[in-house]
């Protein structure tokens, strides 16, 4: 099969012919129909996340069809929420691809914090390929309302956005810092629930600001600008630590700032006065299967318009470069 593989030493991906993987017990093999290109893929390719699987195939927003089931599970196996998987099922594979099931976090319903997890496209081979294998318990059925390319961003941009928003779902005035794939999805979900969205982009990024306003944001401007009113909460999707003090200054007393990325540059020092008055800074780590099941049900209810730009599989490096350079509105999706 053809796959885009992380070059030895990092620095990019290259097209290779590799062996079609065989599913083991509890696994399924999936024929990949689409795979989103996520900013976390950039962190893997650029070496921001250390010790990836050797010659790893990136990609963790995988949409495909179950083609084979592991040898000890030939009568079907349980996917997320215990649903039975069968040949021909359309499924999605997210970032969190495996957990141990027995550490304190897994037993305490915090599997996103598992001590020995497996991550799709990082420590497990992912979806920049024609086929991939996945732990059957960590795949999700997908809403019929979305075709394969438009479903792909739901698997990480959507899921991380949902977990971030769930932490501040009582906010009526919400700021989103970095208006890319994740923000454009969760903005639509939040607005459908009556939330007022304020979008913060790189200073001078008029295209992203127009994109946000076109989706219904009541205000859009640069991250160096103050909002027109105090925010109840803010979610930072851009991997820029310097936005944390800015967001703290933008939220009202008792407000929360959520850092949604798996990687962020260092947060600079800031005066205690902007944290005082019971403001909160917290992070999001990975996801749980419950997040996936809840969000996919919500995505079937709320008509989310995922904006995607398709690329052939062989042009994965170009898609990554376009994402890094900020040339995308929405999400890049690879089509094998």
C-alpha atoms as a PDB file:
ATOM      1  CA  UNK A   1       0.000   0.000   0.000  1.00  0.00           C
ATOM      2  CA  UNK A   2       1.024   3.630  -0.332  1.00  0.00           C
ATOM      3  CA  UNK A   3       1.648   5.649   2.819  1.00  0.00           C
ATOM      4  CA  UNK A   4       3.201   8.949   3.821  1.00  0.00           C
ATOM      5  CA  UNK A   5       5.907   8.120   6.371  1.00  0.00           C
ATOM      6  CA  UNK A   6       7.805  10.414   8.726  1.00  0.00           C
ATOM      7  CA  UNK A   7      11.354  10.733   7.428  1.00  0.00           C
ATOM      8  CA  UNK A   8      14.138   9.401   9.624  1.00  0.00           C
ATOM      9  CA  UNK A   9      15.115  12.261  11.895  1.00  0.00           C
ATOM     10  CA  UNK A  10      11.873  14.086  11.150  1.00  0.00           C
ATOM     11  CA  UNK A  11      11.663  17.120   8.924  1.00  0.00           C
ATOM     12  CA  UNK A  12       8.786  16.000   6.766  1.00  0.00           C
ATOM     13  CA  UNK A  13       6.954  13.030   5.287  1.00  0.00           C
ATOM     14  CA  UNK A  14       7.630  11.016   2.145  1.00  0.00           C
ATOM     15  CA  UNK A  15       5.601   8.612   0.034  1.00  0.00           C
ATOM     16  CA  UNK A  16       6.578   4.944   0.448  1.00  0.00           C
ATOM     17  CA  UNK A  17       5.256   1.515  -0.429  1.00  0.00           C
ATOM     18  CA  UNK A  18       4.708  -0.393   2.814  1.00  0.00           C
ATOM     19  CA  UNK A  19       3.090  -3.675   3.775  1.00  0.00           C
ATOM     20  CA  UNK A  20      -0.672  -3.648   4.323  1.00  0.00           C
ATOM     21  CA  UNK A  21      -1.091  -4.095   8.101  1.00  0.00           C
ATOM     22  CA  UNK A  22      -2.826  -7.135   9.557  1.00  0.00           C
ATOM     23  CA  UNK A  23      -5.238  -6.608  12.465  1.00  0.00           C
ATOM     24  CA  UNK A  24      -4.452  -8.415  15.697  1.00  0.00           C
ATOM     25  CA  UNK A  25      -6.896  -9.511  18.398  1.00  0.00           C
ATOM     26  CA  UNK A  26      -9.216  -6.674  19.292  1.00  0.00           C
ATOM     27  CA  UNK A  27      -8.201  -4.688  16.214  1.00  0.00           C
ATOM     28  CA  UNK A  28      -9.797  -3.856  12.909  1.00  0.00           C
ATOM     29  CA  UNK A  29      -8.233  -2.955   9.578  1.00  0.00           C
ATOM     30  CA  UNK A  30      -9.738   0.093   7.952  1.00  0.00           C
ATOM     31  CA  UNK A  31      -9.641   1.127   4.319  1.00  0.00           C
ATOM     32  CA  UNK A  32      -8.925   4.840   4.604  1.00  0.00           C
ATOM     33  CA  UNK A  33     -11.281   7.062   2.641  1.00  0.00           C
ATOM     34  CA  UNK A  34     -10.105  10.393   4.070  1.00  0.00           C
ATOM     35  CA  UNK A  35      -7.729  11.664   6.741  1.00  0.00           C
ATOM     36  CA  UNK A  36      -7.653  15.176   8.128  1.00  0.00           C
ATOM     37  CA  UNK A  37      -4.412  17.096   8.576  1.00  0.00           C
ATOM     38  CA  UNK A  38      -4.224  18.399  12.134  1.00  0.00           C
ATOM     39  CA  UNK A  39      -1.871  20.880  13.786  1.00  0.00           C
ATOM     40  CA  UNK A  40      -0.752  18.046  16.057  1.00  0.00           C
ATOM     41  CA  UNK A  41       0.560  16.315  12.920  1.00  0.00           C
ATOM     42  CA  UNK A  42       2.767  19.367  12.457  1.00  0.00           C
ATOM     43  CA  UNK A  43       4.068  18.967  16.001  1.00  0.00           C
ATOM     44  CA  UNK A  44       4.934  15.328  15.248  1.00  0.00           C
ATOM     45  CA  UNK A  45       6.597  16.141  11.919  1.00  0.00           C
ATOM     46  CA  UNK A  46       8.465  19.164  13.289  1.00  0.00           C
ATOM     47  CA  UNK A  47       9.779  17.281  16.331  1.00  0.00           C
ATOM     48  CA  UNK A  48       7.850  19.252  18.941  1.00  0.00           C
ATOM     49  CA  UNK A  49       6.539  15.920  20.282  1.00  0.00           C
ATOM     50  CA  UNK A  50       9.464  13.673  21.136  1.00  0.00           C
ATOM     51  CA  UNK A  51       9.951   9.956  20.474  1.00  0.00           C
ATOM     52  CA  UNK A  52       7.364   9.152  17.813  1.00  0.00           C
ATOM     53  CA  UNK A  53       7.125   5.563  16.595  1.00  0.00           C
ATOM     54  CA  UNK A  54      10.017   4.857  14.215  1.00  0.00           C
ATOM     55  CA  UNK A  55       8.938   5.554  10.617  1.00  0.00           C
ATOM     56  CA  UNK A  56       5.486   6.420  11.890  1.00  0.00           C
ATOM     57  CA  UNK A  57       2.617   7.068   9.504  1.00  0.00           C
ATOM     58  CA  UNK A  58       0.965  10.281  10.813  1.00  0.00           C
ATOM     59  CA  UNK A  59      -2.732  11.128  10.788  1.00  0.00           C
ATOM     60  CA  UNK A  60      -5.391  10.850  13.480  1.00  0.00           C
ATOM     61  CA  UNK A  61      -8.546  12.177  11.826  1.00  0.00           C
ATOM     62  CA  UNK A  62      -9.207   8.962   9.957  1.00  0.00           C
ATOM     63  CA  UNK A  63     -12.445   8.112   8.161  1.00  0.00           C
ATOM     64  CA  UNK A  64     -12.789   4.736   6.504  1.00  0.00           C
ATOM     65  CA  UNK A  65     -14.501   1.406   6.159  1.00  0.00           C
ATOM     66  CA  UNK A  66     -13.890  -1.684   8.283  1.00  0.00           C
ATOM     67  CA  UNK A  67     -12.292  -4.189   5.919  1.00  0.00           C
ATOM     68  CA  UNK A  68     -10.984  -6.896   8.253  1.00  0.00           C
ATOM     69  CA  UNK A  69     -11.423  -7.891  11.905  1.00  0.00           C
ATOM     70  CA  UNK A  70      -8.744  -9.434  14.103  1.00  0.00           C
ATOM     71  CA  UNK A  71      -8.469 -13.253  14.070  1.00  0.00           C
ATOM     72  CA  UNK A  72      -9.845 -13.812  17.554  1.00  0.00           C
ATOM     73  CA  UNK A  73     -12.757 -11.460  16.955  1.00  0.00           C
ATOM     74  CA  UNK A  74     -14.113 -12.932  13.721  1.00  0.00           C
ATOM     75  CA  UNK A  75     -17.748 -12.721  14.855  1.00  0.00           C
ATOM     76  CA  UNK A  76     -17.542  -8.986  15.406  1.00  0.00           C
ATOM     77  CA  UNK A  77     -15.944  -6.901  18.128  1.00  0.00           C
ATOM     78  CA  UNK A  78     -17.011  -4.069  20.378  1.00  0.00           C
ATOM     79  CA  UNK A  79     -16.223  -0.542  19.327  1.00  0.00           C
ATOM     80  CA  UNK A  80     -16.761   2.592  21.404  1.00  0.00           C
ATOM     81  CA  UNK A  81     -19.846   2.431  23.630  1.00  0.00           C
ATOM     82  CA  UNK A  82     -19.898  -1.338  23.087  1.00  0.00           C
ATOM     83  CA  UNK A  83     -21.495  -1.232  19.621  1.00  0.00           C
ATOM     84  CA  UNK A  84     -20.696  -4.257  17.464  1.00  0.00           C
ATOM     85  CA  UNK A  85     -18.385  -3.660  14.511  1.00  0.00           C
ATOM     86  CA  UNK A  86     -18.783  -5.518  11.257  1.00  0.00           C
ATOM     87  CA  UNK A  87     -17.176  -5.607   7.836  1.00  0.00           C
ATOM     88  CA  UNK A  88     -18.332  -2.604   5.807  1.00  0.00           C
ATOM     89  CA  UNK A  89     -19.029  -0.284   8.757  1.00  0.00           C
ATOM     90  CA  UNK A  90     -17.973   3.335   8.264  1.00  0.00           C
ATOM     91  CA  UNK A  91     -15.935   4.479  11.265  1.00  0.00           C
ATOM     92  CA  UNK A  92     -13.595   7.182  12.481  1.00  0.00           C
ATOM     93  CA  UNK A  93     -10.287   6.845  14.312  1.00  0.00           C
ATOM     94  CA  UNK A  94      -9.231   9.645  16.725  1.00  0.00           C
ATOM     95  CA  UNK A  95      -5.979  10.744  18.403  1.00  0.00           C
ATOM     96  CA  UNK A  96      -6.373   8.544  21.496  1.00  0.00           C
ATOM     97  CA  UNK A  97      -5.923   5.091  20.002  1.00  0.00           C
ATOM     98  CA  UNK A  98      -5.358   2.832  23.017  1.00  0.00           C
ATOM     99  CA  UNK A  99      -5.249   2.862  26.819  1.00  0.00           C
ATOM    100  CA  UNK A 100      -4.077   0.294  29.365  1.00  0.00           C
ATOM    101  CA  UNK A 101      -7.455   0.016  31.112  1.00  0.00           C
ATOM    102  CA  UNK A 102      -5.969  -0.696  34.536  1.00  0.00           C
ATOM    103  CA  UNK A 103      -4.049   2.359  35.776  1.00  0.00           C
ATOM    104  CA  UNK A 104      -5.610   4.682  38.355  1.00  0.00           C
ATOM    105  CA  UNK A 105      -6.721   7.097  35.630  1.00  0.00           C
ATOM    106  CA  UNK A 106      -8.381   4.457  33.472  1.00  0.00           C
ATOM    107  CA  UNK A 107     -10.154   2.975  36.488  1.00  0.00           C
ATOM    108  CA  UNK A 108     -11.193   6.473  37.570  1.00  0.00           C
ATOM    109  CA  UNK A 109     -12.938   7.336  34.279  1.00  0.00           C
ATOM    110  CA  UNK A 110     -10.023   9.551  33.178  1.00  0.00           C
ATOM    111  CA  UNK A 111      -8.697   7.399  30.357  1.00  0.00           C
ATOM    112  CA  UNK A 112      -7.512  10.542  28.562  1.00  0.00           C
ATOM    113  CA  UNK A 113      -4.805  10.718  31.264  1.00  0.00           C
ATOM    114  CA  UNK A 114      -3.767   7.031  30.990  1.00  0.00           C
ATOM    115  CA  UNK A 115      -0.182   6.365  32.115  1.00  0.00           C
ATOM    116  CA  UNK A 116       0.631   4.232  29.047  1.00  0.00           C
ATOM    117  CA  UNK A 117      -1.552   5.431  26.174  1.00  0.00           C
ATOM    118  CA  UNK A 118      -1.214   4.918  22.439  1.00  0.00           C
ATOM    119  CA  UNK A 119      -1.724   7.862  20.105  1.00  0.00           C
ATOM    120  CA  UNK A 120      -2.806   7.453  16.499  1.00  0.00           C
ATOM    121  CA  UNK A 121      -0.295   8.885  14.054  1.00  0.00           C
ATOM    122  CA  UNK A 122       2.339   9.367  16.782  1.00  0.00           C
ATOM    123  CA  UNK A 123       3.035   6.188  18.761  1.00  0.00           C
ATOM    124  CA  UNK A 124       0.675   4.139  16.559  1.00  0.00           C
ATOM    125  CA  UNK A 125       0.527   4.252  12.772  1.00  0.00           C
ATOM    126  CA  UNK A 126      -2.198   6.522  11.504  1.00  0.00           C
ATOM    127  CA  UNK A 127      -4.229   7.450   8.470  1.00  0.00           C
ATOM    128  CA  UNK A 128      -1.827   9.056   5.970  1.00  0.00           C
ATOM    129  CA  UNK A 129      -2.145   5.756   4.121  1.00  0.00           C
ATOM    130  CA  UNK A 130      -4.474   3.580   2.109  1.00  0.00           C
ATOM    131  CA  UNK A 131      -5.092   1.269   5.100  1.00  0.00           C
ATOM    132  CA  UNK A 132      -4.584   1.402   8.858  1.00  0.00           C
ATOM    133  CA  UNK A 133      -5.305  -0.796  11.856  1.00  0.00           C
ATOM    134  CA  UNK A 134      -6.965   0.458  15.017  1.00  0.00           C
ATOM    135  CA  UNK A 135      -8.031  -0.778  18.441  1.00  0.00           C
ATOM    136  CA  UNK A 136     -11.691  -1.617  17.903  1.00  0.00           C
ATOM    137  CA  UNK A 137     -12.657  -0.006  21.215  1.00  0.00           C
ATOM    138  CA  UNK A 138     -11.292   3.340  20.021  1.00  0.00           C
ATOM    139  CA  UNK A 139     -13.198   3.813  16.778  1.00  0.00           C
ATOM    140  CA  UNK A 140     -16.480   5.656  16.442  1.00  0.00           C
ATOM    141  CA  UNK A 141     -19.498   5.319  14.185  1.00  0.00           C
ATOM    142  CA  UNK A 142     -19.933   8.545  12.230  1.00  0.00           C
ATOM    143  CA  UNK A 143     -23.057  10.621  11.569  1.00  0.00           C
ATOM    144  CA  UNK A 144     -24.581   9.915   8.166  1.00  0.00           C
ATOM    145  CA  UNK A 145     -25.014  13.657   7.620  1.00  0.00           C
ATOM    146  CA  UNK A 146     -21.314  14.046   6.703  1.00  0.00           C
ATOM    147  CA  UNK A 147     -19.485  12.566   3.739  1.00  0.00           C
ATOM    148  CA  UNK A 148     -15.972  11.212   4.288  1.00  0.00           C
ATOM    149  CA  UNK A 149     -13.915  14.397   3.726  1.00  0.00           C
ATOM    150  CA  UNK A 150     -16.275  16.547   5.783  1.00  0.00           C
ATOM    151  CA  UNK A 151     -16.395  13.994   8.608  1.00  0.00           C
ATOM    152  CA  UNK A 152     -12.609  13.845   8.979  1.00  0.00           C
ATOM    153  CA  UNK A 153     -12.138  17.126  10.932  1.00  0.00           C
ATOM    154  CA  UNK A 154     -14.696  15.956  13.480  1.00  0.00           C
ATOM    155  CA  UNK A 155     -12.217  13.316  14.697  1.00  0.00           C
ATOM    156  CA  UNK A 156      -9.801  15.767  16.346  1.00  0.00           C
ATOM    157  CA  UNK A 157     -10.584  19.391  15.583  1.00  0.00           C
ATOM    158  CA  UNK A 158     -14.167  18.643  16.534  1.00  0.00           C
ATOM    159  CA  UNK A 159     -13.421  16.402  19.492  1.00  0.00           C
ATOM    160  CA  UNK A 160     -10.792  18.643  21.100  1.00  0.00           C
ATOM    161  CA  UNK A 161     -12.995  21.654  20.496  1.00  0.00           C
ATOM    162  CA  UNK A 162     -15.890  19.830  22.131  1.00  0.00           C
ATOM    163  CA  UNK A 163     -13.885  18.762  25.197  1.00  0.00           C
ATOM    164  CA  UNK A 164     -12.594  22.335  25.560  1.00  0.00           C
ATOM    165  CA  UNK A 165     -16.047  23.857  25.203  1.00  0.00           C
ATOM    166  CA  UNK A 166     -17.537  21.338  27.652  1.00  0.00           C
ATOM    167  CA  UNK A 167     -15.293  22.841  30.342  1.00  0.00           C
ATOM    168  CA  UNK A 168     -16.905  26.265  29.832  1.00  0.00           C
ATOM    169  CA  UNK A 169     -20.287  25.369  28.366  1.00  0.00           C
ATOM    170  CA  UNK A 170     -22.073  27.785  30.719  1.00  0.00           C
ATOM    171  CA  UNK A 171     -20.262  30.739  29.105  1.00  0.00           C
ATOM    172  CA  UNK A 172     -22.565  33.015  27.133  1.00  0.00           C
ATOM    173  CA  UNK A 173     -19.743  35.177  25.722  1.00  0.00           C
ATOM    174  CA  UNK A 174     -16.881  33.002  24.469  1.00  0.00           C
ATOM    175  CA  UNK A 175     -13.557  34.046  22.962  1.00  0.00           C
ATOM    176  CA  UNK A 176     -11.725  31.726  20.560  1.00  0.00           C
ATOM    177  CA  UNK A 177      -8.019  32.415  20.016  1.00  0.00           C
ATOM    178  CA  UNK A 178      -6.835  30.965  16.715  1.00  0.00           C
ATOM    179  CA  UNK A 179      -9.666  30.526  14.245  1.00  0.00           C
ATOM    180  CA  UNK A 180      -8.715  27.379  12.362  1.00  0.00           C
ATOM    181  CA  UNK A 181     -10.114  23.867  12.070  1.00  0.00           C
ATOM    182  CA  UNK A 182     -11.106  23.363  15.728  1.00  0.00           C
ATOM    183  CA  UNK A 183     -12.464  26.855  16.300  1.00  0.00           C
ATOM    184  CA  UNK A 184     -14.610  26.916  13.183  1.00  0.00           C
ATOM    185  CA  UNK A 185     -16.329  23.680  14.257  1.00  0.00           C
ATOM    186  CA  UNK A 186     -16.941  24.408  17.918  1.00  0.00           C
ATOM    187  CA  UNK A 187     -18.005  27.986  17.116  1.00  0.00           C
ATOM    188  CA  UNK A 188     -20.929  26.580  15.142  1.00  0.00           C
ATOM    189  CA  UNK A 189     -21.857  24.178  17.949  1.00  0.00           C
ATOM    190  CA  UNK A 190     -21.678  26.916  20.581  1.00  0.00           C
ATOM    191  CA  UNK A 191     -23.654  29.409  18.487  1.00  0.00           C
ATOM    192  CA  UNK A 192     -26.357  26.795  17.974  1.00  0.00           C
ATOM    193  CA  UNK A 193     -26.674  26.767  21.771  1.00  0.00           C
ATOM    194  CA  UNK A 194     -27.014  30.552  21.958  1.00  0.00           C
ATOM    195  CA  UNK A 195     -23.377  31.457  22.713  1.00  0.00           C
ATOM    196  CA  UNK A 196     -21.911  34.742  21.474  1.00  0.00           C
ATOM    197  CA  UNK A 197     -18.570  34.107  19.728  1.00  0.00           C
ATOM    198  CA  UNK A 198     -15.637  36.527  19.630  1.00  0.00           C
ATOM    199  CA  UNK A 199     -12.823  35.372  17.319  1.00  0.00           C
ATOM    200  CA  UNK A 200      -9.171  36.330  17.791  1.00  0.00           C
ATOM    201  CA  UNK A 201      -6.716  35.709  14.945  1.00  0.00           C
ATOM    202  CA  UNK A 202      -3.124  36.573  14.161  1.00  0.00           C
ATOM    203  CA  UNK A 203      -2.916  40.363  13.915  1.00  0.00           C
ATOM    204  CA  UNK A 204      -3.747  41.450  10.390  1.00  0.00           C
ATOM    205  CA  UNK A 205      -5.204  38.099   9.289  1.00  0.00           C
ATOM    206  CA  UNK A 206      -8.208  39.621   7.555  1.00  0.00           C
ATOM    207  CA  UNK A 207      -9.050  36.359   5.752  1.00  0.00           C
ATOM    208  CA  UNK A 208      -9.482  34.452   9.030  1.00  0.00           C
ATOM    209  CA  UNK A 209     -11.452  37.311  10.564  1.00  0.00           C
ATOM    210  CA  UNK A 210     -13.813  37.438   7.586  1.00  0.00           C
ATOM    211  CA  UNK A 211     -14.152  33.637   7.813  1.00  0.00           C
ATOM    212  CA  UNK A 212     -15.159  33.894  11.477  1.00  0.00           C
ATOM    213  CA  UNK A 213     -17.685  36.650  10.847  1.00  0.00           C
ATOM    214  CA  UNK A 214     -19.080  34.684   7.913  1.00  0.00           C
ATOM    215  CA  UNK A 215     -19.823  31.799  10.272  1.00  0.00           C
ATOM    216  CA  UNK A 216     -21.635  34.110  12.700  1.00  0.00           C
ATOM    217  CA  UNK A 217     -19.023  35.499  15.103  1.00  0.00           C
ATOM    218  CA  UNK A 218     -20.286  38.794  16.514  1.00  0.00           C
ATOM    219  CA  UNK A 219     -16.735  40.195  16.575  1.00  0.00           C
ATOM    220  CA  UNK A 220     -13.436  39.228  14.987  1.00  0.00           C
ATOM    221  CA  UNK A 221     -10.057  40.910  15.328  1.00  0.00           C
ATOM    222  CA  UNK A 222      -6.398  40.424  16.102  1.00  0.00           C
ATOM    223  CA  UNK A 223      -5.156  38.684  19.229  1.00  0.00           C
ATOM    224  CA  UNK A 224      -3.459  41.965  20.146  1.00  0.00           C
ATOM    225  CA  UNK A 225      -6.869  43.656  20.452  1.00  0.00           C
ATOM    226  CA  UNK A 226      -9.152  43.812  23.459  1.00  0.00           C
ATOM    227  CA  UNK A 227     -12.663  42.396  23.059  1.00  0.00           C
ATOM    228  CA  UNK A 228     -15.564  44.819  22.899  1.00  0.00           C
ATOM    229  CA  UNK A 229     -16.925  43.341  26.137  1.00  0.00           C
ATOM    230  CA  UNK A 230     -15.512  41.081  28.864  1.00  0.00           C
ATOM    231  CA  UNK A 231     -15.560  37.392  27.966  1.00  0.00           C
ATOM    232  CA  UNK A 232     -17.085  34.746  30.203  1.00  0.00           C
ATOM    233  CA  UNK A 233     -14.417  32.308  28.998  1.00  0.00           C
ATOM    234  CA  UNK A 234     -11.761  31.882  26.325  1.00  0.00           C
ATOM    235  CA  UNK A 235     -10.370  28.852  24.519  1.00  0.00           C
ATOM    236  CA  UNK A 236      -6.866  29.075  23.073  1.00  0.00           C
ATOM    237  CA  UNK A 237      -6.384  26.841  20.023  1.00  0.00           C
ATOM    238  CA  UNK A 238      -3.239  28.552  18.725  1.00  0.00           C
ATOM    239  CA  UNK A 239      -0.066  26.967  20.191  1.00  0.00           C
ATOM    240  CA  UNK A 240       1.175  30.340  21.436  1.00  0.00           C
ATOM    241  CA  UNK A 241       1.875  30.675  25.156  1.00  0.00           C
ATOM    242  CA  UNK A 242       1.872  34.449  24.906  1.00  0.00           C
ATOM    243  CA  UNK A 243      -1.883  34.341  24.374  1.00  0.00           C
ATOM    244  CA  UNK A 244      -2.521  33.133  27.925  1.00  0.00           C
ATOM    245  CA  UNK A 245      -1.924  36.528  29.569  1.00  0.00           C
ATOM    246  CA  UNK A 246      -3.896  38.229  26.800  1.00  0.00           C
ATOM    247  CA  UNK A 247      -6.850  35.898  27.326  1.00  0.00           C
ATOM    248  CA  UNK A 248      -6.699  36.357  31.109  1.00  0.00           C
ATOM    249  CA  UNK A 249      -6.986  40.100  30.611  1.00  0.00           C
ATOM    250  CA  UNK A 250      -9.961  39.566  28.289  1.00  0.00           C
ATOM    251  CA  UNK A 251     -12.070  37.380  30.614  1.00  0.00           C
ATOM    252  CA  UNK A 252     -14.239  38.761  33.383  1.00  0.00           C
ATOM    253  CA  UNK A 253     -13.797  38.025  37.072  1.00  0.00           C
ATOM    254  CA  UNK A 254     -14.324  34.311  37.692  1.00  0.00           C
ATOM    255  CA  UNK A 255     -13.694  33.554  34.001  1.00  0.00           C
ATOM    256  CA  UNK A 256     -11.796  30.551  32.624  1.00  0.00           C
ATOM    257  CA  UNK A 257      -9.052  30.309  30.018  1.00  0.00           C
ATOM    258  CA  UNK A 258      -8.725  26.868  28.423  1.00  0.00           C
ATOM    259  CA  UNK A 259      -5.489  25.886  26.659  1.00  0.00           C
ATOM    260  CA  UNK A 260      -6.671  23.390  24.054  1.00  0.00           C
ATOM    261  CA  UNK A 261      -3.467  22.351  22.296  1.00  0.00           C
ATOM    262  CA  UNK A 262      -1.324  19.297  22.978  1.00  0.00           C
ATOM    263  CA  UNK A 263       1.716  21.527  22.527  1.00  0.00           C
ATOM    264  CA  UNK A 264       2.207  25.216  23.321  1.00  0.00           C
ATOM    265  CA  UNK A 265       5.181  27.532  23.431  1.00  0.00           C
ATOM    266  CA  UNK A 266       6.247  28.718  26.867  1.00  0.00           C
ATOM    267  CA  UNK A 267       3.810  30.931  28.744  1.00  0.00           C
ATOM    268  CA  UNK A 268       5.534  34.198  29.678  1.00  0.00           C
ATOM    269  CA  UNK A 269       5.418  35.556  33.186  1.00  0.00           C
ATOM    270  CA  UNK A 270       2.480  37.805  33.952  1.00  0.00           C
ATOM    271  CA  UNK A 271       1.273  39.881  36.904  1.00  0.00           C
ATOM    272  CA  UNK A 272      -0.805  38.097  39.491  1.00  0.00           C
ATOM    273  CA  UNK A 273      -3.405  40.838  39.173  1.00  0.00           C
ATOM    274  CA  UNK A 274      -4.733  39.401  35.875  1.00  0.00           C
ATOM    275  CA  UNK A 275      -5.168  35.945  37.435  1.00  0.00           C
ATOM    276  CA  UNK A 276      -6.640  37.245  40.673  1.00  0.00           C
ATOM    277  CA  UNK A 277     -10.404  37.529  41.206  1.00  0.00           C
ATOM    278  CA  UNK A 278     -10.802  33.780  40.742  1.00  0.00           C
ATOM    279  CA  UNK A 279      -9.833  33.540  37.099  1.00  0.00           C
ATOM    280  CA  UNK A 280      -8.782  30.035  36.073  1.00  0.00           C
ATOM    281  CA  UNK A 281      -6.260  28.663  33.573  1.00  0.00           C
ATOM    282  CA  UNK A 282      -6.577  24.992  32.639  1.00  0.00           C
ATOM    283  CA  UNK A 283      -5.520  22.619  29.885  1.00  0.00           C
ATOM    284  CA  UNK A 284      -7.146  19.918  27.812  1.00  0.00           C
ATOM    285  CA  UNK A 285      -5.445  16.542  27.432  1.00  0.00           C
ATOM    286  CA  UNK A 286      -6.554  14.162  24.680  1.00  0.00           C
ATOM    287  CA  UNK A 287     -10.126  12.848  24.818  1.00  0.00           C
ATOM    288  CA  UNK A 288     -12.228  10.025  26.174  1.00  0.00           C
ATOM    289  CA  UNK A 289     -14.478   7.608  24.330  1.00  0.00           C
ATOM    290  CA  UNK A 290     -17.406   9.271  26.078  1.00  0.00           C
ATOM    291  CA  UNK A 291     -16.346  12.576  24.481  1.00  0.00           C
ATOM    292  CA  UNK A 292     -16.417  10.892  21.093  1.00  0.00           C
ATOM    293  CA  UNK A 293     -19.823   9.337  21.523  1.00  0.00           C
ATOM    294  CA  UNK A 294     -21.328  12.564  22.900  1.00  0.00           C
ATOM    295  CA  UNK A 295     -19.835  14.760  20.199  1.00  0.00           C
ATOM    296  CA  UNK A 296     -20.821  12.492  17.315  1.00  0.00           C
ATOM    297  CA  UNK A 297     -24.402  12.512  18.593  1.00  0.00           C
ATOM    298  CA  UNK A 298     -24.258  16.316  18.825  1.00  0.00           C
ATOM    299  CA  UNK A 299     -22.776  16.577  15.316  1.00  0.00           C
ATOM    300  CA  UNK A 300     -25.774  14.645  14.003  1.00  0.00           C
ATOM    301  CA  UNK A 301     -28.092  17.133  15.736  1.00  0.00           C
ATOM    302  CA  UNK A 302     -26.320  20.426  14.936  1.00  0.00           C
ATOM    303  CA  UNK A 303     -25.726  21.090  11.229  1.00  0.00           C
ATOM    304  CA  UNK A 304     -21.966  21.763  11.354  1.00  0.00           C
ATOM    305  CA  UNK A 305     -20.479  22.966   8.092  1.00  0.00           C
ATOM    306  CA  UNK A 306     -16.889  21.708   8.080  1.00  0.00           C
ATOM    307  CA  UNK A 307     -14.811  23.701   5.608  1.00  0.00           C
ATOM    308  CA  UNK A 308     -12.246  21.420   3.986  1.00  0.00           C
ATOM    309  CA  UNK A 309      -9.624  21.565   1.263  1.00  0.00           C
ATOM    310  CA  UNK A 310      -8.889  18.130  -0.239  1.00  0.00           C
ATOM    311  CA  UNK A 311      -5.365  17.049  -1.190  1.00  0.00           C
ATOM    312  CA  UNK A 312      -4.180  13.797  -2.804  1.00  0.00           C
ATOM    313  CA  UNK A 313      -2.361  11.545  -0.324  1.00  0.00           C
ATOM    314  CA  UNK A 314       0.969  12.163  -2.096  1.00  0.00           C
ATOM    315  CA  UNK A 315       0.612  15.903  -1.396  1.00  0.00           C
ATOM    316  CA  UNK A 316       0.531  15.500   2.390  1.00  0.00           C
ATOM    317  CA  UNK A 317       3.706  17.549   2.777  1.00  0.00           C
ATOM    318  CA  UNK A 318       2.125  20.416   0.844  1.00  0.00           C
ATOM    319  CA  UNK A 319      -0.932  20.246   3.093  1.00  0.00           C
ATOM    320  CA  UNK A 320       1.297  20.405   6.176  1.00  0.00           C
ATOM    321  CA  UNK A 321       3.218  23.351   4.728  1.00  0.00           C
ATOM    322  CA  UNK A 322      -0.025  25.188   3.940  1.00  0.00           C
ATOM    323  CA  UNK A 323      -1.262  24.610   7.485  1.00  0.00           C
ATOM    324  CA  UNK A 324       2.022  25.836   8.967  1.00  0.00           C
ATOM    325  CA  UNK A 325       1.972  28.966   6.809  1.00  0.00           C
ATOM    326  CA  UNK A 326      -1.642  29.801   7.646  1.00  0.00           C
ATOM    327  CA  UNK A 327      -2.857  29.356   4.073  1.00  0.00           C
ATOM    328  CA  UNK A 328      -5.943  27.378   5.099  1.00  0.00           C
ATOM    329  CA  UNK A 329      -9.408  28.445   6.192  1.00  0.00           C
ATOM    330  CA  UNK A 330     -10.864  25.334   7.799  1.00  0.00           C
ATOM    331  CA  UNK A 331      -9.100  21.988   7.458  1.00  0.00           C
ATOM    332  CA  UNK A 332      -6.921  20.127   4.966  1.00  0.00           C
ATOM    333  CA  UNK A 333      -8.040  16.566   4.210  1.00  0.00           C
ATOM    334  CA  UNK A 334      -6.000  13.881   2.454  1.00  0.00           C
ATOM    335  CA  UNK A 335      -7.807  11.578   0.017  1.00  0.00           C
ATOM    336  CA  UNK A 336      -5.943   8.304  -0.668  1.00  0.00           C
END
